[in-house]
Amino acid sequence: MPKMTAPTPSPADAAVLADQRGRLRAALVLVEQMAGREPVSVSATDDPDAAARAYAAASSIARRRFDALASEAGAFAAAGIAALIRHREAIGRDCAPAAAQLADDMRRALTAMDRLIPPG
């Protein structure tokens, strides 16, 4: 029975990886501000080459889990930010407790993503 291997990710995959984390980090800064918090450094920006090597070296299971986490985090962050903006427009001020919860959730997602495939 031939051994099956996962396809090697392309450099474009690594660019997407760095972009996913970068967009989530940028959104986290916004949400922390909406929560009335001083934005805390999440971590350094991904070095695309190092991210590509880390992504390529990760198992296919880790890559799939990372991709699923990134997708899930992006979806809940976008929905949460949209709700916070609607609240601000309707009420005239931010809902700090909801923003704080969203920021905490986003930070946990980034931490889980970084554990699976460390940033470059």
PDB file of N, CA and C in Angstrom:
ATOM      1  N   MET A   1       0.852  -1.171   0.000  1.00  0.00           N
ATOM      2  CA  MET A   1       0.000   0.000   0.000  1.00  0.00           C
ATOM      3  C   MET A   1       0.901   1.238   0.000  1.00  0.00           C
ATOM      4  N   PRO A   2       0.733   2.137  -0.970  1.00  0.00           N
ATOM      5  CA  PRO A   2       1.596   3.314  -1.037  1.00  0.00           C
ATOM      6  C   PRO A   2       1.310   4.270   0.126  1.00  0.00           C
ATOM      7  N   LYS A   3       2.388   4.888   0.584  1.00  0.00           N
ATOM      8  CA  LYS A   3       2.272   5.854   1.677  1.00  0.00           C
ATOM      9  C   LYS A   3       1.726   7.164   1.117  1.00  0.00           C
ATOM     10  N   MET A   4       0.703   7.701   1.779  1.00  0.00           N
ATOM     11  CA  MET A   4       0.106   8.958   1.333  1.00  0.00           C
ATOM     12  C   MET A   4       0.711  10.098   2.136  1.00  0.00           C
ATOM     13  N   THR A   5       1.064  11.166   1.455  1.00  0.00           N
ATOM     14  CA  THR A   5       1.602  12.329   2.140  1.00  0.00           C
ATOM     15  C   THR A   5       0.759  13.537   1.793  1.00  0.00           C
ATOM     16  N   ALA A   6       0.742  14.469   2.731  1.00  0.00           N
ATOM     17  CA  ALA A   6      -0.003  15.709   2.497  1.00  0.00           C
ATOM     18  C   ALA A   6       0.769  16.563   1.511  1.00  0.00           C
ATOM     19  N   PRO A   7       0.061  17.307   0.673  1.00  0.00           N
ATOM     20  CA  PRO A   7       0.761  18.181  -0.266  1.00  0.00           C
ATOM     21  C   PRO A   7       1.539  19.263   0.488  1.00  0.00           C
ATOM     22  N   THR A   8       2.684  19.615  -0.063  1.00  0.00           N
ATOM     23  CA  THR A   8       3.483  20.679   0.539  1.00  0.00           C
ATOM     24  C   THR A   8       2.809  22.009   0.253  1.00  0.00           C
ATOM     25  N   PRO A   9       2.631  22.837   1.298  1.00  0.00           N
ATOM     26  CA  PRO A   9       1.979  24.123   1.084  1.00  0.00           C
ATOM     27  C   PRO A   9       2.835  25.035   0.207  1.00  0.00           C
ATOM     28  N   SER A  10       2.175  25.864  -0.539  1.00  0.00           N
ATOM     29  CA  SER A  10       2.860  26.794  -1.431  1.00  0.00           C
ATOM     30  C   SER A  10       3.238  28.061  -0.674  1.00  0.00           C
ATOM     31  N   PRO A  11       4.110  28.896  -1.257  1.00  0.00           N
ATOM     32  CA  PRO A  11       4.418  30.183  -0.640  1.00  0.00           C
ATOM     33  C   PRO A  11       3.165  31.043  -0.473  1.00  0.00           C
ATOM     34  N   ALA A  12       2.193  30.861  -1.344  1.00  0.00           N
ATOM     35  CA  ALA A  12       0.935  31.613  -1.212  1.00  0.00           C
ATOM     36  C   ALA A  12       0.213  31.219   0.072  1.00  0.00           C
ATOM     37  N   ASP A  13       0.304  29.919   0.445  1.00  0.00           N
ATOM     38  CA  ASP A  13      -0.300  29.468   1.703  1.00  0.00           C
ATOM     39  C   ASP A  13       0.311  30.201   2.883  1.00  0.00           C
ATOM     40  N   ALA A  14       1.619  30.376   2.852  1.00  0.00           N
ATOM     41  CA  ALA A  14       2.307  31.067   3.941  1.00  0.00           C
ATOM     42  C   ALA A  14       1.903  32.533   3.994  1.00  0.00           C
ATOM     43  N   ALA A  15       1.718  33.136   2.838  1.00  0.00           N
ATOM     44  CA  ALA A  15       1.285  34.539   2.809  1.00  0.00           C
ATOM     45  C   ALA A  15      -0.104  34.663   3.414  1.00  0.00           C
ATOM     46  N   VAL A  16      -0.966  33.710   3.107  1.00  0.00           N
ATOM     47  CA  VAL A  16      -2.314  33.703   3.680  1.00  0.00           C
ATOM     48  C   VAL A  16      -2.228  33.518   5.188  1.00  0.00           C
ATOM     49  N   LEU A  17      -1.361  32.615   5.630  1.00  0.00           N
ATOM     50  CA  LEU A  17      -1.153  32.374   7.054  1.00  0.00           C
ATOM     51  C   LEU A  17      -0.770  33.659   7.776  1.00  0.00           C
ATOM     52  N   ALA A  18       0.223  34.364   7.279  1.00  0.00           N
ATOM     53  CA  ALA A  18       0.670  35.608   7.902  1.00  0.00           C
ATOM     54  C   ALA A  18      -0.434  36.652   7.855  1.00  0.00           C
ATOM     55  N   ASP A  19      -1.166  36.699   6.746  1.00  0.00           N
ATOM     56  CA  ASP A  19      -2.247  37.676   6.601  1.00  0.00           C
ATOM     57  C   ASP A  19      -3.382  37.386   7.575  1.00  0.00           C
ATOM     58  N   GLN A  20      -3.727  36.127   7.770  1.00  0.00           N
ATOM     59  CA  GLN A  20      -4.810  35.764   8.698  1.00  0.00           C
ATOM     60  C   GLN A  20      -4.479  36.237  10.106  1.00  0.00           C
ATOM     61  N   ARG A  21      -3.280  35.929  10.548  1.00  0.00           N
ATOM     62  CA  ARG A  21      -2.882  36.346  11.894  1.00  0.00           C
ATOM     63  C   ARG A  21      -2.778  37.854  11.980  1.00  0.00           C
ATOM     64  N   GLY A  22      -2.233  38.477  10.962  1.00  0.00           N
ATOM     65  CA  GLY A  22      -2.069  39.932  10.966  1.00  0.00           C
ATOM     66  C   GLY A  22      -3.400  40.663  11.041  1.00  0.00           C
ATOM     67  N   ARG A  23      -4.380  40.201  10.263  1.00  0.00           N
ATOM     68  CA  ARG A  23      -5.705  40.835  10.303  1.00  0.00           C
ATOM     69  C   ARG A  23      -6.378  40.632  11.647  1.00  0.00           C
ATOM     70  N   LEU A  24      -6.224  39.450  12.221  1.00  0.00           N
ATOM     71  CA  LEU A  24      -6.821  39.189  13.532  1.00  0.00           C
ATOM     72  C   LEU A  24      -6.149  40.038  14.611  1.00  0.00           C
ATOM     73  N   ARG A  25      -4.836  40.194  14.528  1.00  0.00           N
ATOM     74  CA  ARG A  25      -4.122  41.046  15.490  1.00  0.00           C
ATOM     75  C   ARG A  25      -4.565  42.502  15.363  1.00  0.00           C
ATOM     76  N   ALA A  26      -4.707  42.987  14.139  1.00  0.00           N
ATOM     77  CA  ALA A  26      -5.139  44.374  13.932  1.00  0.00           C
ATOM     78  C   ALA A  26      -6.555  44.580  14.469  1.00  0.00           C
ATOM     79  N   ALA A  27      -7.427  43.609  14.225  1.00  0.00           N
ATOM     80  CA  ALA A  27      -8.797  43.702  14.737  1.00  0.00           C
ATOM     81  C   ALA A  27      -8.802  43.661  16.257  1.00  0.00           C
ATOM     82  N   LEU A  28      -7.907  42.885  16.853  1.00  0.00           N
ATOM     83  CA  LEU A  28      -7.822  42.806  18.315  1.00  0.00           C
ATOM     84  C   LEU A  28      -7.472  44.167  18.916  1.00  0.00           C
ATOM     85  N   VAL A  29      -6.587  44.900  18.275  1.00  0.00           N
ATOM     86  CA  VAL A  29      -6.232  46.238  18.764  1.00  0.00           C
ATOM     87  C   VAL A  29      -7.475  47.125  18.787  1.00  0.00           C
ATOM     88  N   LEU A  30      -8.267  47.096  17.729  1.00  0.00           N
ATOM     89  CA  LEU A  30      -9.499  47.883  17.655  1.00  0.00           C
ATOM     90  C   LEU A  30     -10.466  47.487  18.769  1.00  0.00           C
ATOM     91  N   VAL A  31     -10.663  46.192  18.960  1.00  0.00           N
ATOM     92  CA  VAL A  31     -11.614  45.712  19.968  1.00  0.00           C
ATOM     93  C   VAL A  31     -11.133  46.077  21.373  1.00  0.00           C
ATOM     94  N   GLU A  32      -9.839  45.973  21.616  1.00  0.00           N
ATOM     95  CA  GLU A  32      -9.304  46.362  22.928  1.00  0.00           C
ATOM     96  C   GLU A  32      -9.575  47.846  23.187  1.00  0.00           C
ATOM     97  N   GLN A  33      -9.437  48.681  22.175  1.00  0.00           N
ATOM     98  CA  GLN A  33      -9.738  50.111  22.327  1.00  0.00           C
ATOM     99  C   GLN A  33     -11.218  50.309  22.625  1.00  0.00           C
ATOM    100  N   MET A  34     -12.080  49.553  21.956  1.00  0.00           N
ATOM    101  CA  MET A  34     -13.520  49.646  22.206  1.00  0.00           C
ATOM    102  C   MET A  34     -13.869  49.188  23.617  1.00  0.00           C
ATOM    103  N   ALA A  35     -13.039  48.303  24.174  1.00  0.00           N
ATOM    104  CA  ALA A  35     -13.258  47.811  25.536  1.00  0.00           C
ATOM    105  C   ALA A  35     -12.726  48.796  26.575  1.00  0.00           C
ATOM    106  N   GLY A  36     -12.075  49.864  26.100  1.00  0.00           N
ATOM    107  CA  GLY A  36     -11.501  50.833  27.027  1.00  0.00           C
ATOM    108  C   GLY A  36     -10.178  50.374  27.603  1.00  0.00           C
ATOM    109  N   ARG A  37      -9.564  49.416  26.952  1.00  0.00           N
ATOM    110  CA  ARG A  37      -8.276  48.883  27.395  1.00  0.00           C
ATOM    111  C   ARG A  37      -7.150  49.484  26.577  1.00  0.00           C
ATOM    112  N   GLU A  38      -5.999  49.490  27.179  1.00  0.00           N
ATOM    113  CA  GLU A  38      -4.788  49.832  26.431  1.00  0.00           C
ATOM    114  C   GLU A  38      -4.419  48.575  25.650  1.00  0.00           C
ATOM    115  N   PRO A  39      -4.363  48.655  24.318  1.00  0.00           N
ATOM    116  CA  PRO A  39      -4.028  47.447  23.553  1.00  0.00           C
ATOM    117  C   PRO A  39      -2.675  46.884  23.977  1.00  0.00           C
ATOM    118  N   VAL A  40      -2.685  45.582  24.261  1.00  0.00           N
ATOM    119  CA  VAL A  40      -1.474  44.890  24.666  1.00  0.00           C
ATOM    120  C   VAL A  40      -0.862  44.254  23.430  1.00  0.00           C
ATOM    121  N   SER A  41       0.438  44.268  23.354  1.00  0.00           N
ATOM    122  CA  SER A  41       1.118  43.658  22.221  1.00  0.00           C
ATOM    123  C   SER A  41       0.742  42.183  22.151  1.00  0.00           C
ATOM    124  N   VAL A  42       0.330  41.744  20.991  1.00  0.00           N
ATOM    125  CA  VAL A  42      -0.065  40.349  20.807  1.00  0.00           C
ATOM    126  C   VAL A  42       1.164  39.499  20.530  1.00  0.00           C
ATOM    127  N   SER A  43       1.979  39.922  19.608  1.00  0.00           N
ATOM    128  CA  SER A  43       3.280  39.329  19.300  1.00  0.00           C
ATOM    129  C   SER A  43       3.772  40.007  18.035  1.00  0.00           C
ATOM    130  N   ALA A  44       4.988  39.736  17.719  1.00  0.00           N
ATOM    131  CA  ALA A  44       5.573  40.356  16.536  1.00  0.00           C
ATOM    132  C   ALA A  44       4.839  39.899  15.285  1.00  0.00           C
ATOM    133  N   THR A  45       4.930  40.691  14.266  1.00  0.00           N
ATOM    134  CA  THR A  45       4.298  40.311  12.998  1.00  0.00           C
ATOM    135  C   THR A  45       5.031  39.112  12.421  1.00  0.00           C
ATOM    136  N   ASP A  46       4.295  38.338  11.667  1.00  0.00           N
ATOM    137  CA  ASP A  46       4.884  37.159  11.051  1.00  0.00           C
ATOM    138  C   ASP A  46       5.921  37.553  10.010  1.00  0.00           C
ATOM    139  N   ASP A  47       7.032  36.871  10.034  1.00  0.00           N
ATOM    140  CA  ASP A  47       8.004  36.943   8.950  1.00  0.00           C
ATOM    141  C   ASP A  47       7.489  35.945   7.924  1.00  0.00           C
ATOM    142  N   PRO A  48       7.106  36.402   6.744  1.00  0.00           N
ATOM    143  CA  PRO A  48       6.484  35.479   5.771  1.00  0.00           C
ATOM    144  C   PRO A  48       7.333  34.248   5.457  1.00  0.00           C
ATOM    145  N   ASP A  49       8.657  34.410   5.365  1.00  0.00           N
ATOM    146  CA  ASP A  49       9.496  33.253   5.057  1.00  0.00           C
ATOM    147  C   ASP A  49       9.511  32.256   6.212  1.00  0.00           C
ATOM    148  N   ALA A  50       9.639  32.773   7.433  1.00  0.00           N
ATOM    149  CA  ALA A  50       9.635  31.885   8.596  1.00  0.00           C
ATOM    150  C   ALA A  50       8.263  31.235   8.757  1.00  0.00           C
ATOM    151  N   ALA A  51       7.202  31.995   8.491  1.00  0.00           N
ATOM    152  CA  ALA A  51       5.845  31.443   8.568  1.00  0.00           C
ATOM    153  C   ALA A  51       5.674  30.334   7.539  1.00  0.00           C
ATOM    154  N   ALA A  52       6.223  30.534   6.350  1.00  0.00           N
ATOM    155  CA  ALA A  52       6.132  29.514   5.298  1.00  0.00           C
ATOM    156  C   ALA A  52       6.835  28.237   5.730  1.00  0.00           C
ATOM    157  N   ARG A  53       8.023  28.381   6.320  1.00  0.00           N
ATOM    158  CA  ARG A  53       8.755  27.195   6.774  1.00  0.00           C
ATOM    159  C   ARG A  53       7.995  26.480   7.895  1.00  0.00           C
ATOM    160  N   ALA A  54       7.473  27.252   8.846  1.00  0.00           N
ATOM    161  CA  ALA A  54       6.744  26.642   9.970  1.00  0.00           C
ATOM    162  C   ALA A  54       5.477  25.953   9.482  1.00  0.00           C
ATOM    163  N   TYR A  55       4.768  26.595   8.557  1.00  0.00           N
ATOM    164  CA  TYR A  55       3.538  26.019   8.021  1.00  0.00           C
ATOM    165  C   TYR A  55       3.852  24.739   7.246  1.00  0.00           C
ATOM    166  N   ALA A  56       4.907  24.774   6.435  1.00  0.00           N
ATOM    167  CA  ALA A  56       5.286  23.604   5.641  1.00  0.00           C
ATOM    168  C   ALA A  56       5.760  22.459   6.534  1.00  0.00           C
ATOM    169  N   ALA A  57       6.419  22.793   7.637  1.00  0.00           N
ATOM    170  CA  ALA A  57       6.943  21.767   8.537  1.00  0.00           C
ATOM    171  C   ALA A  57       5.857  21.156   9.424  1.00  0.00           C
ATOM    172  N   ALA A  58       4.751  21.860   9.583  1.00  0.00           N
ATOM    173  CA  ALA A  58       3.668  21.358  10.440  1.00  0.00           C
ATOM    174  C   ALA A  58       2.987  20.167   9.780  1.00  0.00           C
ATOM    175  N   SER A  59       2.444  19.318  10.609  1.00  0.00           N
ATOM    176  CA  SER A  59       1.717  18.172  10.065  1.00  0.00           C
ATOM    177  C   SER A  59       0.460  18.658   9.347  1.00  0.00           C
ATOM    178  N   SER A  60      -0.064  17.818   8.485  1.00  0.00           N
ATOM    179  CA  SER A  60      -1.283  18.208   7.760  1.00  0.00           C
ATOM    180  C   SER A  60      -2.441  18.409   8.738  1.00  0.00           C
ATOM    181  N   ILE A  61      -2.446  17.645   9.822  1.00  0.00           N
ATOM    182  CA  ILE A  61      -3.501  17.805  10.831  1.00  0.00           C
ATOM    183  C   ILE A  61      -3.375  19.175  11.492  1.00  0.00           C
ATOM    184  N   ALA A  62      -2.146  19.579  11.837  1.00  0.00           N
ATOM    185  CA  ALA A  62      -1.938  20.889  12.457  1.00  0.00           C
ATOM    186  C   ALA A  62      -2.329  22.006  11.496  1.00  0.00           C
ATOM    187  N   ARG A  63      -1.986  21.850  10.209  1.00  0.00           N
ATOM    188  CA  ARG A  63      -2.358  22.879   9.224  1.00  0.00           C
ATOM    189  C   ARG A  63      -3.874  22.984   9.093  1.00  0.00           C
ATOM    190  N   ARG A  64      -4.552  21.839   9.038  1.00  0.00           N
ATOM    191  CA  ARG A  64      -6.018  21.878   8.922  1.00  0.00           C
ATOM    192  C   ARG A  64      -6.647  22.499  10.166  1.00  0.00           C
ATOM    193  N   ARG A  65      -6.134  22.153  11.337  1.00  0.00           N
ATOM    194  CA  ARG A  65      -6.667  22.730  12.578  1.00  0.00           C
ATOM    195  C   ARG A  65      -6.400  24.229  12.630  1.00  0.00           C
ATOM    196  N   PHE A  66      -5.201  24.634  12.213  1.00  0.00           N
ATOM    197  CA  PHE A  66      -4.869  26.053  12.170  1.00  0.00           C
ATOM    198  C   PHE A  66      -5.834  26.780  11.241  1.00  0.00           C
ATOM    199  N   ASP A  67      -6.035  26.238  10.055  1.00  0.00           N
ATOM    200  CA  ASP A  67      -6.931  26.865   9.077  1.00  0.00           C
ATOM    201  C   ASP A  67      -8.352  26.978   9.631  1.00  0.00           C
ATOM    202  N   ALA A  68      -8.803  25.920  10.318  1.00  0.00           N
ATOM    203  CA  ALA A  68     -10.150  25.952  10.900  1.00  0.00           C
ATOM    204  C   ALA A  68     -10.233  27.004  12.003  1.00  0.00           C
ATOM    205  N   LEU A  69      -9.216  27.077  12.862  1.00  0.00           N
ATOM    206  CA  LEU A  69      -9.198  28.096  13.918  1.00  0.00           C
ATOM    207  C   LEU A  69      -9.191  29.499  13.330  1.00  0.00           C
ATOM    208  N   ALA A  70      -8.374  29.704  12.311  1.00  0.00           N
ATOM    209  CA  ALA A  70      -8.294  31.020  11.681  1.00  0.00           C
ATOM    210  C   ALA A  70      -9.632  31.420  11.071  1.00  0.00           C
ATOM    211  N   SER A  71     -10.281  30.469  10.429  1.00  0.00           N
ATOM    212  CA  SER A  71     -11.583  30.739   9.827  1.00  0.00           C
ATOM    213  C   SER A  71     -12.626  31.052  10.891  1.00  0.00           C
ATOM    214  N   GLU A  72     -12.653  30.235  11.941  1.00  0.00           N
ATOM    215  CA  GLU A  72     -13.608  30.440  13.028  1.00  0.00           C
ATOM    216  C   GLU A  72     -13.362  31.777  13.732  1.00  0.00           C
ATOM    217  N   ALA A  73     -12.109  32.071  14.027  1.00  0.00           N
ATOM    218  CA  ALA A  73     -11.777  33.323  14.709  1.00  0.00           C
ATOM    219  C   ALA A  73     -12.123  34.528  13.842  1.00  0.00           C
ATOM    220  N   GLY A  74     -11.833  34.431  12.566  1.00  0.00           N
ATOM    221  CA  GLY A  74     -12.175  35.530  11.663  1.00  0.00           C
ATOM    222  C   GLY A  74     -13.671  35.767  11.611  1.00  0.00           C
ATOM    223  N   ALA A  75     -14.436  34.679  11.597  1.00  0.00           N
ATOM    224  CA  ALA A  75     -15.893  34.807  11.528  1.00  0.00           C
ATOM    225  C   ALA A  75     -16.463  35.413  12.807  1.00  0.00           C
ATOM    226  N   PHE A  76     -16.038  34.916  13.988  1.00  0.00           N
ATOM    227  CA  PHE A  76     -16.627  35.463  15.212  1.00  0.00           C
ATOM    228  C   PHE A  76     -16.114  36.871  15.477  1.00  0.00           C
ATOM    229  N   ALA A  77     -14.884  37.176  15.068  1.00  0.00           N
ATOM    230  CA  ALA A  77     -14.371  38.536  15.241  1.00  0.00           C
ATOM    231  C   ALA A  77     -15.152  39.515  14.358  1.00  0.00           C
ATOM    232  N   ALA A  78     -15.385  39.145  13.107  1.00  0.00           N
ATOM    233  CA  ALA A  78     -16.126  40.026  12.193  1.00  0.00           C
ATOM    234  C   ALA A  78     -17.555  40.245  12.694  1.00  0.00           C
ATOM    235  N   ALA A  79     -18.209  39.174  13.117  1.00  0.00           N
ATOM    236  CA  ALA A  79     -19.579  39.310  13.614  1.00  0.00           C
ATOM    237  C   ALA A  79     -19.614  40.141  14.891  1.00  0.00           C
ATOM    238  N   GLY A  80     -18.661  39.907  15.776  1.00  0.00           N
ATOM    239  CA  GLY A  80     -18.615  40.665  17.029  1.00  0.00           C
ATOM    240  C   GLY A  80     -18.337  42.139  16.816  1.00  0.00           C
ATOM    241  N   ILE A  81     -17.400  42.442  15.940  1.00  0.00           N
ATOM    242  CA  ILE A  81     -17.078  43.846  15.653  1.00  0.00           C
ATOM    243  C   ILE A  81     -18.275  44.536  15.009  1.00  0.00           C
ATOM    244  N   ALA A  82     -18.941  43.838  14.093  1.00  0.00           N
ATOM    245  CA  ALA A  82     -20.130  44.424  13.464  1.00  0.00           C
ATOM    246  C   ALA A  82     -21.200  44.733  14.508  1.00  0.00           C
ATOM    247  N   ALA A  83     -21.403  43.823  15.447  1.00  0.00           N
ATOM    248  CA  ALA A  83     -22.397  44.046  16.510  1.00  0.00           C
ATOM    249  C   ALA A  83     -21.980  45.217  17.399  1.00  0.00           C
ATOM    250  N   LEU A  84     -20.695  45.307  17.712  1.00  0.00           N
ATOM    251  CA  LEU A  84     -20.216  46.423  18.541  1.00  0.00           C
ATOM    252  C   LEU A  84     -20.399  47.766  17.827  1.00  0.00           C
ATOM    253  N   ILE A  85     -20.148  47.788  16.545  1.00  0.00           N
ATOM    254  CA  ILE A  85     -20.325  49.026  15.779  1.00  0.00           C
ATOM    255  C   ILE A  85     -21.801  49.406  15.706  1.00  0.00           C
ATOM    256  N   ARG A  86     -22.674  48.420  15.476  1.00  0.00           N
ATOM    257  CA  ARG A  86     -24.115  48.707  15.464  1.00  0.00           C
ATOM    258  C   ARG A  86     -24.563  49.261  16.814  1.00  0.00           C
ATOM    259  N   HIS A  87     -24.046  48.683  17.893  1.00  0.00           N
ATOM    260  CA  HIS A  87     -24.387  49.160  19.238  1.00  0.00           C
ATOM    261  C   HIS A  87     -23.933  50.607  19.410  1.00  0.00           C
ATOM    262  N   ARG A  88     -22.708  50.905  18.978  1.00  0.00           N
ATOM    263  CA  ARG A  88     -22.184  52.271  19.112  1.00  0.00           C
ATOM    264  C   ARG A  88     -23.042  53.254  18.324  1.00  0.00           C
ATOM    265  N   GLU A  89     -23.448  52.868  17.125  1.00  0.00           N
ATOM    266  CA  GLU A  89     -24.275  53.753  16.305  1.00  0.00           C
ATOM    267  C   GLU A  89     -25.652  53.961  16.926  1.00  0.00           C
ATOM    268  N   ALA A  90     -26.209  52.938  17.542  1.00  0.00           N
ATOM    269  CA  ALA A  90     -27.543  53.031  18.127  1.00  0.00           C
ATOM    270  C   ALA A  90     -27.540  53.762  19.471  1.00  0.00           C
ATOM    271  N   ILE A  91     -26.537  53.524  20.288  1.00  0.00           N
ATOM    272  CA  ILE A  91     -26.504  54.048  21.647  1.00  0.00           C
ATOM    273  C   ILE A  91     -25.606  55.282  21.773  1.00  0.00           C
ATOM    274  N   GLY A  92     -24.618  55.375  20.913  1.00  0.00           N
ATOM    275  CA  GLY A  92     -23.703  56.515  20.971  1.00  0.00           C
ATOM    276  C   GLY A  92     -22.455  56.278  21.793  1.00  0.00           C
ATOM    277  N   ARG A  93     -22.271  55.064  22.270  1.00  0.00           N
ATOM    278  CA  ARG A  93     -21.048  54.733  23.009  1.00  0.00           C
ATOM    279  C   ARG A  93     -20.762  53.240  22.854  1.00  0.00           C
ATOM    280  N   ASP A  94     -19.520  52.878  23.188  1.00  0.00           N
ATOM    281  CA  ASP A  94     -19.126  51.469  23.085  1.00  0.00           C
ATOM    282  C   ASP A  94     -19.710  50.653  24.227  1.00  0.00           C
ATOM    283  N   CYS A  95     -19.861  49.372  23.986  1.00  0.00           N
ATOM    284  CA  CYS A  95     -20.277  48.436  25.030  1.00  0.00           C
ATOM    285  C   CYS A  95     -18.999  47.737  25.504  1.00  0.00           C
ATOM    286  N   ALA A  96     -18.350  48.346  26.491  1.00  0.00           N
ATOM    287  CA  ALA A  96     -17.042  47.869  26.941  1.00  0.00           C
ATOM    288  C   ALA A  96     -17.053  46.412  27.410  1.00  0.00           C
ATOM    289  N   PRO A  97     -18.046  45.966  28.185  1.00  0.00           N
ATOM    290  CA  PRO A  97     -18.001  44.552  28.617  1.00  0.00           C
ATOM    291  C   PRO A  97     -18.047  43.565  27.444  1.00  0.00           C
ATOM    292  N   ALA A  98     -18.867  43.840  26.462  1.00  0.00           N
ATOM    293  CA  ALA A  98     -18.946  42.940  25.304  1.00  0.00           C
ATOM    294  C   ALA A  98     -17.645  42.995  24.497  1.00  0.00           C
ATOM    295  N   ALA A  99     -17.079  44.190  24.352  1.00  0.00           N
ATOM    296  CA  ALA A  99     -15.817  44.330  23.630  1.00  0.00           C
ATOM    297  C   ALA A  99     -14.696  43.604  24.377  1.00  0.00           C
ATOM    298  N   ALA A 100     -14.704  43.691  25.703  1.00  0.00           N
ATOM    299  CA  ALA A 100     -13.676  43.004  26.494  1.00  0.00           C
ATOM    300  C   ALA A 100     -13.769  41.490  26.317  1.00  0.00           C
ATOM    301  N   GLN A 101     -15.000  40.967  26.313  1.00  0.00           N
ATOM    302  CA  GLN A 101     -15.181  39.523  26.117  1.00  0.00           C
ATOM    303  C   GLN A 101     -14.707  39.097  24.727  1.00  0.00           C
ATOM    304  N   LEU A 102     -15.063  39.893  23.718  1.00  0.00           N
ATOM    305  CA  LEU A 102     -14.624  39.581  22.362  1.00  0.00           C
ATOM    306  C   LEU A 102     -13.103  39.630  22.269  1.00  0.00           C
ATOM    307  N   ALA A 103     -12.484  40.632  22.883  1.00  0.00           N
ATOM    308  CA  ALA A 103     -11.016  40.730  22.862  1.00  0.00           C
ATOM    309  C   ALA A 103     -10.387  39.507  23.519  1.00  0.00           C
ATOM    310  N   ASP A 104     -10.930  39.078  24.645  1.00  0.00           N
ATOM    311  CA  ASP A 104     -10.398  37.892  25.323  1.00  0.00           C
ATOM    312  C   ASP A 104     -10.526  36.647  24.445  1.00  0.00           C
ATOM    313  N   ASP A 105     -11.665  36.510  23.773  1.00  0.00           N
ATOM    314  CA  ASP A 105     -11.872  35.367  22.873  1.00  0.00           C
ATOM    315  C   ASP A 105     -10.897  35.408  21.697  1.00  0.00           C
ATOM    316  N   MET A 106     -10.689  36.592  21.158  1.00  0.00           N
ATOM    317  CA  MET A 106      -9.764  36.738  20.035  1.00  0.00           C
ATOM    318  C   MET A 106      -8.334  36.414  20.469  1.00  0.00           C
ATOM    319  N   ARG A 107      -7.959  36.869  21.646  1.00  0.00           N
ATOM    320  CA  ARG A 107      -6.609  36.603  22.154  1.00  0.00           C
ATOM    321  C   ARG A 107      -6.410  35.094  22.356  1.00  0.00           C
ATOM    322  N   ARG A 108      -7.437  34.410  22.888  1.00  0.00           N
ATOM    323  CA  ARG A 108      -7.341  32.950  23.066  1.00  0.00           C
ATOM    324  C   ARG A 108      -7.188  32.248  21.710  1.00  0.00           C
ATOM    325  N   ALA A 109      -7.919  32.711  20.718  1.00  0.00           N
ATOM    326  CA  ALA A 109      -7.814  32.105  19.386  1.00  0.00           C
ATOM    327  C   ALA A 109      -6.419  32.312  18.805  1.00  0.00           C
ATOM    328  N   LEU A 110      -5.879  33.519  18.949  1.00  0.00           N
ATOM    329  CA  LEU A 110      -4.520  33.784  18.451  1.00  0.00           C
ATOM    330  C   LEU A 110      -3.496  32.915  19.174  1.00  0.00           C
ATOM    331  N   THR A 111      -3.657  32.760  20.469  1.00  0.00           N
ATOM    332  CA  THR A 111      -2.736  31.920  21.238  1.00  0.00           C
ATOM    333  C   THR A 111      -2.796  30.474  20.751  1.00  0.00           C
ATOM    334  N   ALA A 112      -4.004  29.977  20.515  1.00  0.00           N
ATOM    335  CA  ALA A 112      -4.155  28.604  20.015  1.00  0.00           C
ATOM    336  C   ALA A 112      -3.537  28.464  18.632  1.00  0.00           C
ATOM    337  N   MET A 113      -3.717  29.456  17.772  1.00  0.00           N
ATOM    338  CA  MET A 113      -3.136  29.430  16.446  1.00  0.00           C
ATOM    339  C   MET A 113      -1.595  29.422  16.530  1.00  0.00           C
ATOM    340  N   ASP A 114      -1.054  30.267  17.419  1.00  0.00           N
ATOM    341  CA  ASP A 114       0.398  30.355  17.579  1.00  0.00           C
ATOM    342  C   ASP A 114       0.992  29.077  18.145  1.00  0.00           C
ATOM    343  N   ARG A 115       0.220  28.347  18.963  1.00  0.00           N
ATOM    344  CA  ARG A 115       0.695  27.066  19.495  1.00  0.00           C
ATOM    345  C   ARG A 115       0.766  26.015  18.389  1.00  0.00           C
ATOM    346  N   LEU A 116      -0.192  26.045  17.485  1.00  0.00           N
ATOM    347  CA  LEU A 116      -0.208  25.068  16.391  1.00  0.00           C
ATOM    348  C   LEU A 116       0.922  25.329  15.407  1.00  0.00           C
ATOM    349  N   ILE A 117       1.034  26.579  14.969  1.00  0.00           N
ATOM    350  CA  ILE A 117       2.078  26.960  14.008  1.00  0.00           C
ATOM    351  C   ILE A 117       2.641  28.285  14.505  1.00  0.00           C
ATOM    352  N   PRO A 118       3.823  28.240  15.128  1.00  0.00           N
ATOM    353  CA  PRO A 118       4.389  29.459  15.703  1.00  0.00           C
ATOM    354  C   PRO A 118       4.595  30.543  14.653  1.00  0.00           C
ATOM    355  N   PRO A 119       4.376  31.807  15.076  1.00  0.00           N
ATOM    356  CA  PRO A 119       4.603  32.898  14.126  1.00  0.00           C
ATOM    357  C   PRO A 119       6.078  32.995  13.772  1.00  0.00           C
ATOM    358  N   GLY A 120       6.328  33.466  12.575  1.00  0.00           N
ATOM    359  CA  GLY A 120       7.718  33.581  12.107  1.00  0.00           C
ATOM    360  C   GLY A 120       8.411  34.782  12.664  1.00  0.00           C
TER     361      GLY A 120
END
